[in-house]
Amino acid sequence: MDSPTRARFAWLGLLVGLSVLGRQNALLFAVPFGVAVYFALAGRLRARERAELCATFGAVVALCILPATLRNWVVSHDFVMVNSTGGIVLYTGWNPEANGVYGRAERDPARPGG
């Protein structure tokens, strides 16, 4: 990174934020990226400047996700950042009957008596 600027980190935050709206697991990229950049720029920038760049990145990611989160709150009265399919998708892939091919699990953990 030749010249790290707030504008570049804002653009990067926008790209990651929009990616999160498409695939919620992209959010897992944000925190490790911020930590890695903070330490990678240690020899070039002061701690405050590095923190400002990481904060800019994080704030823009959060601003991208905010409309979806607010909409989910208004509609369902539940805090859901992007979507609520993560649990069932995880269970579908890792349940005892999973065989590597997508399919409906025989037992639904979300329903009593499943």
N, C-alpha and C. Protein backbone atom coordinates (compact mmCIF):
# COMPACT_ATOMS: atom_id res chain seq x y z
N MET A 1 0.85 -1.16 0.00
CA MET A 1 0.00 0.00 0.00
C MET A 1 0.90 1.23 0.00
N ASP A 2 0.95 1.91 -1.11
CA ASP A 2 1.86 3.04 -1.25
C ASP A 2 1.48 4.21 -0.37
N SER A 3 0.24 4.64 -0.45
CA SER A 3 -0.18 5.79 0.36
C SER A 3 -1.55 5.51 0.99
N PRO A 4 -1.54 4.98 2.20
CA PRO A 4 -2.80 4.69 2.87
C PRO A 4 -3.51 5.99 3.26
N THR A 5 -4.71 6.17 2.75
CA THR A 5 -5.49 7.37 3.07
C THR A 5 -6.86 6.96 3.59
N ARG A 6 -7.52 7.90 4.24
CA ARG A 6 -8.87 7.62 4.73
C ARG A 6 -9.82 7.30 3.57
N ALA A 7 -9.66 7.99 2.46
CA ALA A 7 -10.54 7.75 1.32
C ALA A 7 -10.39 6.31 0.81
N ARG A 8 -9.18 5.82 0.74
CA ARG A 8 -8.96 4.44 0.27
C ARG A 8 -9.56 3.43 1.24
N PHE A 9 -9.42 3.71 2.53
CA PHE A 9 -9.99 2.79 3.51
C PHE A 9 -11.51 2.88 3.52
N ALA A 10 -12.06 4.06 3.21
CA ALA A 10 -13.51 4.19 3.10
C ALA A 10 -14.02 3.38 1.90
N TRP A 11 -13.33 3.46 0.78
CA TRP A 11 -13.71 2.67 -0.39
C TRP A 11 -13.64 1.18 -0.09
N LEU A 12 -12.60 0.77 0.60
CA LEU A 12 -12.46 -0.63 0.96
C LEU A 12 -13.59 -1.05 1.91
N GLY A 13 -13.94 -0.19 2.85
CA GLY A 13 -15.05 -0.46 3.74
C GLY A 13 -16.36 -0.59 2.98
N LEU A 14 -16.54 0.24 1.96
CA LEU A 14 -17.74 0.15 1.13
C LEU A 14 -17.80 -1.19 0.40
N LEU A 15 -16.68 -1.62 -0.15
CA LEU A 15 -16.64 -2.90 -0.86
C LEU A 15 -16.94 -4.08 0.07
N VAL A 16 -16.33 -4.06 1.26
CA VAL A 16 -16.59 -5.13 2.21
C VAL A 16 -18.04 -5.07 2.70
N GLY A 17 -18.54 -3.87 2.98
CA GLY A 17 -19.92 -3.72 3.43
C GLY A 17 -20.92 -4.23 2.41
N LEU A 18 -20.71 -3.92 1.16
CA LEU A 18 -21.61 -4.42 0.11
C LEU A 18 -21.47 -5.93 -0.05
N SER A 19 -20.26 -6.44 0.15
CA SER A 19 -20.06 -7.89 0.10
C SER A 19 -20.83 -8.58 1.22
N VAL A 20 -20.85 -7.96 2.39
CA VAL A 20 -21.57 -8.53 3.52
C VAL A 20 -23.06 -8.60 3.22
N LEU A 21 -23.59 -7.61 2.52
CA LEU A 21 -25.01 -7.65 2.18
C LEU A 21 -25.32 -8.81 1.24
N GLY A 22 -24.35 -9.21 0.44
CA GLY A 22 -24.54 -10.34 -0.45
C GLY A 22 -24.25 -11.67 0.22
N ARG A 23 -23.20 -11.72 1.01
CA ARG A 23 -22.80 -12.94 1.73
C ARG A 23 -22.39 -12.53 3.13
N GLN A 24 -23.20 -12.88 4.12
CA GLN A 24 -22.94 -12.39 5.47
C GLN A 24 -21.61 -12.87 6.04
N ASN A 25 -21.08 -13.97 5.55
CA ASN A 25 -19.81 -14.44 6.09
C ASN A 25 -18.64 -13.55 5.68
N ALA A 26 -18.83 -12.61 4.77
CA ALA A 26 -17.78 -11.66 4.43
C ALA A 26 -17.46 -10.75 5.62
N LEU A 27 -18.39 -10.66 6.56
CA LEU A 27 -18.14 -9.86 7.76
C LEU A 27 -17.00 -10.43 8.59
N LEU A 28 -16.77 -11.72 8.47
CA LEU A 28 -15.66 -12.35 9.19
C LEU A 28 -14.31 -11.83 8.71
N PHE A 29 -14.27 -11.24 7.54
CA PHE A 29 -13.05 -10.69 6.97
C PHE A 29 -12.68 -9.35 7.61
N ALA A 30 -13.67 -8.60 8.09
CA ALA A 30 -13.45 -7.22 8.50
C ALA A 30 -12.52 -7.08 9.70
N VAL A 31 -12.75 -7.81 10.76
CA VAL A 31 -11.94 -7.64 11.98
C VAL A 31 -10.49 -8.09 11.76
N PRO A 32 -10.24 -9.29 11.21
CA PRO A 32 -8.84 -9.65 10.97
C PRO A 32 -8.12 -8.67 10.03
N PHE A 33 -8.84 -8.14 9.06
CA PHE A 33 -8.24 -7.17 8.16
C PHE A 33 -7.82 -5.92 8.92
N GLY A 34 -8.70 -5.41 9.76
CA GLY A 34 -8.37 -4.22 10.53
C GLY A 34 -7.16 -4.42 11.43
N VAL A 35 -7.09 -5.56 12.09
CA VAL A 35 -5.95 -5.86 12.97
C VAL A 35 -4.67 -6.01 12.15
N ALA A 36 -4.75 -6.71 11.03
CA ALA A 36 -3.56 -6.92 10.19
C ALA A 36 -3.04 -5.60 9.65
N VAL A 37 -3.93 -4.74 9.20
CA VAL A 37 -3.50 -3.45 8.66
C VAL A 37 -2.88 -2.59 9.76
N TYR A 38 -3.48 -2.62 10.93
CA TYR A 38 -2.95 -1.83 12.04
C TYR A 38 -1.49 -2.18 12.30
N PHE A 39 -1.18 -3.46 12.32
CA PHE A 39 0.19 -3.88 12.60
C PHE A 39 1.09 -3.78 11.37
N ALA A 40 0.54 -3.96 10.18
CA ALA A 40 1.35 -3.88 8.97
C ALA A 40 1.86 -2.45 8.71
N LEU A 41 1.10 -1.48 9.13
CA LEU A 41 1.50 -0.09 8.92
C LEU A 41 2.27 0.49 10.11
N ALA A 42 2.68 -0.36 11.03
CA ALA A 42 3.32 0.10 12.26
C ALA A 42 4.58 0.92 12.01
N GLY A 43 5.38 0.56 11.04
CA GLY A 43 6.61 1.28 10.79
C GLY A 43 6.43 2.57 10.01
N ARG A 44 5.27 2.75 9.42
CA ARG A 44 5.06 3.90 8.54
C ARG A 44 4.19 4.99 9.12
N LEU A 45 3.26 4.61 9.98
CA LEU A 45 2.32 5.59 10.53
C LEU A 45 2.29 5.50 12.05
N ARG A 46 1.92 6.62 12.67
CA ARG A 46 1.76 6.61 14.13
C ARG A 46 0.52 5.80 14.49
N ALA A 47 0.46 5.40 15.74
CA ALA A 47 -0.65 4.56 16.21
C ALA A 47 -1.99 5.25 16.00
N ARG A 48 -2.05 6.54 16.24
CA ARG A 48 -3.32 7.26 16.06
C ARG A 48 -3.77 7.25 14.60
N GLU A 49 -2.85 7.46 13.69
CA GLU A 49 -3.20 7.45 12.26
C GLU A 49 -3.68 6.07 11.82
N ARG A 50 -3.01 5.02 12.32
CA ARG A 50 -3.43 3.66 11.99
C ARG A 50 -4.81 3.37 12.55
N ALA A 51 -5.06 3.82 13.77
CA ALA A 51 -6.37 3.61 14.38
C ALA A 51 -7.46 4.35 13.61
N GLU A 52 -7.15 5.54 13.12
CA GLU A 52 -8.13 6.31 12.34
C GLU A 52 -8.47 5.59 11.03
N LEU A 53 -7.46 5.03 10.38
CA LEU A 53 -7.72 4.30 9.14
C LEU A 53 -8.60 3.07 9.39
N CYS A 54 -8.29 2.33 10.44
CA CYS A 54 -9.08 1.14 10.78
C CYS A 54 -10.49 1.53 11.20
N ALA A 55 -10.62 2.65 11.93
CA ALA A 55 -11.94 3.11 12.35
C ALA A 55 -12.77 3.56 11.14
N THR A 56 -12.12 4.20 10.19
CA THR A 56 -12.82 4.61 8.96
C THR A 56 -13.35 3.38 8.22
N PHE A 57 -12.51 2.39 8.07
CA PHE A 57 -12.91 1.14 7.43
C PHE A 57 -14.10 0.52 8.15
N GLY A 58 -14.00 0.38 9.47
CA GLY A 58 -15.07 -0.23 10.24
C GLY A 58 -16.36 0.56 10.21
N ALA A 59 -16.25 1.88 10.27
CA ALA A 59 -17.45 2.72 10.25
C ALA A 59 -18.19 2.61 8.92
N VAL A 60 -17.47 2.57 7.83
CA VAL A 60 -18.12 2.46 6.52
C VAL A 60 -18.76 1.08 6.35
N VAL A 61 -18.10 0.04 6.83
CA VAL A 61 -18.71 -1.29 6.80
C VAL A 61 -20.02 -1.28 7.58
N ALA A 62 -19.98 -0.69 8.78
CA ALA A 62 -21.18 -0.63 9.63
C ALA A 62 -22.28 0.19 8.97
N LEU A 63 -21.93 1.30 8.31
CA LEU A 63 -22.93 2.12 7.64
C LEU A 63 -23.58 1.39 6.47
N CYS A 64 -22.84 0.51 5.82
CA CYS A 64 -23.41 -0.28 4.73
C CYS A 64 -24.43 -1.29 5.25
N ILE A 65 -24.14 -1.86 6.40
CA ILE A 65 -24.99 -2.90 6.96
C ILE A 65 -26.20 -2.30 7.70
N LEU A 66 -26.06 -1.08 8.19
CA LEU A 66 -27.08 -0.45 9.02
C LEU A 66 -28.49 -0.45 8.41
N PRO A 67 -28.67 -0.08 7.13
CA PRO A 67 -30.04 -0.10 6.59
C PRO A 67 -30.70 -1.47 6.66
N ALA A 68 -29.96 -2.52 6.36
CA ALA A 68 -30.52 -3.88 6.43
C ALA A 68 -30.86 -4.24 7.87
N THR A 69 -30.00 -3.87 8.80
CA THR A 69 -30.24 -4.17 10.21
C THR A 69 -31.47 -3.43 10.72
N LEU A 70 -31.58 -2.15 10.37
CA LEU A 70 -32.76 -1.38 10.79
C LEU A 70 -34.04 -1.95 10.19
N ARG A 71 -34.00 -2.32 8.94
CA ARG A 71 -35.17 -2.92 8.30
C ARG A 71 -35.56 -4.21 9.01
N ASN A 72 -34.57 -5.03 9.33
CA ASN A 72 -34.86 -6.29 10.03
C ASN A 72 -35.47 -6.02 11.40
N TRP A 73 -35.00 -4.97 12.09
CA TRP A 73 -35.55 -4.62 13.40
C TRP A 73 -37.00 -4.18 13.28
N VAL A 74 -37.29 -3.33 12.29
CA VAL A 74 -38.65 -2.83 12.10
C VAL A 74 -39.61 -3.96 11.76
N VAL A 75 -39.19 -4.87 10.91
CA VAL A 75 -40.06 -5.95 10.44
C VAL A 75 -40.22 -7.05 11.49
N SER A 76 -39.12 -7.47 12.12
CA SER A 76 -39.19 -8.64 12.99
C SER A 76 -39.04 -8.33 14.48
N HIS A 77 -38.70 -7.08 14.83
CA HIS A 77 -38.45 -6.70 16.23
C HIS A 77 -37.39 -7.59 16.86
N ASP A 78 -36.40 -7.96 16.06
CA ASP A 78 -35.31 -8.80 16.51
C ASP A 78 -34.03 -8.27 15.88
N PHE A 79 -32.93 -8.34 16.63
CA PHE A 79 -31.66 -7.85 16.11
C PHE A 79 -31.06 -8.90 15.18
N VAL A 80 -31.15 -8.63 13.89
CA VAL A 80 -30.57 -9.49 12.85
C VAL A 80 -29.75 -8.57 11.97
N MET A 81 -28.42 -8.75 11.96
CA MET A 81 -27.56 -7.82 11.22
C MET A 81 -27.86 -7.81 9.72
N VAL A 82 -27.84 -8.97 9.09
CA VAL A 82 -28.06 -9.03 7.65
C VAL A 82 -29.19 -10.01 7.33
N ASN A 83 -29.03 -11.26 7.70
CA ASN A 83 -30.10 -12.23 7.53
C ASN A 83 -29.99 -13.29 8.61
N SER A 84 -30.99 -14.11 8.72
CA SER A 84 -31.02 -15.07 9.82
C SER A 84 -30.87 -16.52 9.35
N THR A 85 -30.28 -16.71 8.20
CA THR A 85 -30.16 -18.06 7.67
C THR A 85 -28.88 -18.77 8.07
N GLY A 86 -28.00 -18.08 8.76
CA GLY A 86 -26.70 -18.67 9.10
C GLY A 86 -26.80 -19.96 9.89
N GLY A 87 -27.68 -20.02 10.87
CA GLY A 87 -27.80 -21.20 11.71
C GLY A 87 -28.29 -22.42 10.96
N ILE A 88 -29.34 -22.25 10.17
CA ILE A 88 -29.90 -23.40 9.45
C ILE A 88 -28.95 -23.86 8.34
N VAL A 89 -28.26 -22.94 7.71
CA VAL A 89 -27.28 -23.32 6.69
C VAL A 89 -26.12 -24.09 7.34
N LEU A 90 -25.67 -23.62 8.50
CA LEU A 90 -24.61 -24.32 9.21
C LEU A 90 -25.08 -25.72 9.59
N TYR A 91 -26.30 -25.84 10.09
CA TYR A 91 -26.81 -27.15 10.48
C TYR A 91 -26.98 -28.07 9.26
N THR A 92 -27.44 -27.51 8.16
CA THR A 92 -27.62 -28.31 6.95
C THR A 92 -26.30 -28.92 6.49
N GLY A 93 -25.23 -28.17 6.61
CA GLY A 93 -23.93 -28.66 6.17
C GLY A 93 -23.22 -29.56 7.17
N TRP A 94 -23.55 -29.43 8.45
CA TRP A 94 -22.80 -30.14 9.48
C TRP A 94 -23.66 -31.08 10.32
N ASN A 95 -24.87 -31.35 9.91
CA ASN A 95 -25.71 -32.25 10.71
C ASN A 95 -25.25 -33.69 10.55
N PRO A 96 -25.68 -34.59 11.42
CA PRO A 96 -25.20 -35.98 11.34
C PRO A 96 -25.51 -36.69 10.02
N GLU A 97 -26.56 -36.26 9.32
CA GLU A 97 -26.91 -36.89 8.04
C GLU A 97 -26.26 -36.22 6.83
N ALA A 98 -25.48 -35.17 7.04
CA ALA A 98 -24.86 -34.43 5.93
C ALA A 98 -23.90 -35.34 5.16
N ASN A 99 -23.95 -35.24 3.82
CA ASN A 99 -23.09 -36.09 2.99
C ASN A 99 -22.29 -35.29 1.96
N GLY A 100 -22.28 -33.97 2.09
CA GLY A 100 -21.52 -33.15 1.15
C GLY A 100 -22.34 -32.61 0.00
N VAL A 101 -23.58 -33.06 -0.14
CA VAL A 101 -24.48 -32.58 -1.17
C VAL A 101 -25.59 -31.81 -0.47
N TYR A 102 -25.92 -30.63 -0.98
CA TYR A 102 -26.95 -29.83 -0.33
C TYR A 102 -28.29 -30.56 -0.37
N GLY A 103 -28.92 -30.59 0.75
CA GLY A 103 -30.24 -31.21 0.85
C GLY A 103 -30.88 -30.84 2.16
N ARG A 104 -32.13 -31.08 2.27
CA ARG A 104 -32.87 -30.77 3.47
C ARG A 104 -32.55 -31.79 4.55
N ALA A 105 -32.27 -31.30 5.75
CA ALA A 105 -31.98 -32.19 6.87
C ALA A 105 -33.28 -32.87 7.30
N GLU A 106 -33.17 -34.11 7.68
CA GLU A 106 -34.36 -34.85 8.12
C GLU A 106 -34.97 -34.26 9.39
N ARG A 107 -34.11 -33.81 10.26
CA ARG A 107 -34.57 -33.23 11.52
C ARG A 107 -34.34 -31.73 11.47
N ASP A 108 -35.34 -30.94 11.85
CA ASP A 108 -35.23 -29.49 11.87
C ASP A 108 -35.00 -29.03 13.30
N PRO A 109 -33.80 -28.53 13.63
CA PRO A 109 -33.51 -28.16 15.01
C PRO A 109 -34.31 -26.95 15.48
N ALA A 110 -34.89 -26.20 14.55
CA ALA A 110 -35.65 -25.01 14.93
C ALA A 110 -37.07 -25.36 15.38
N ARG A 111 -37.53 -26.55 15.13
CA ARG A 111 -38.90 -26.93 15.49
C ARG A 111 -38.89 -27.95 16.62
N PRO A 112 -39.73 -27.72 17.62
CA PRO A 112 -39.79 -28.68 18.72
C PRO A 112 -40.17 -30.08 18.21
N GLY A 113 -39.44 -31.04 18.63
CA GLY A 113 -39.70 -32.41 18.19
C GLY A 113 -39.20 -32.70 16.79
N GLY A 114 -38.57 -31.71 16.18
CA GLY A 114 -37.93 -31.68 14.93
C GLY A 114 -38.16 -32.51 13.81
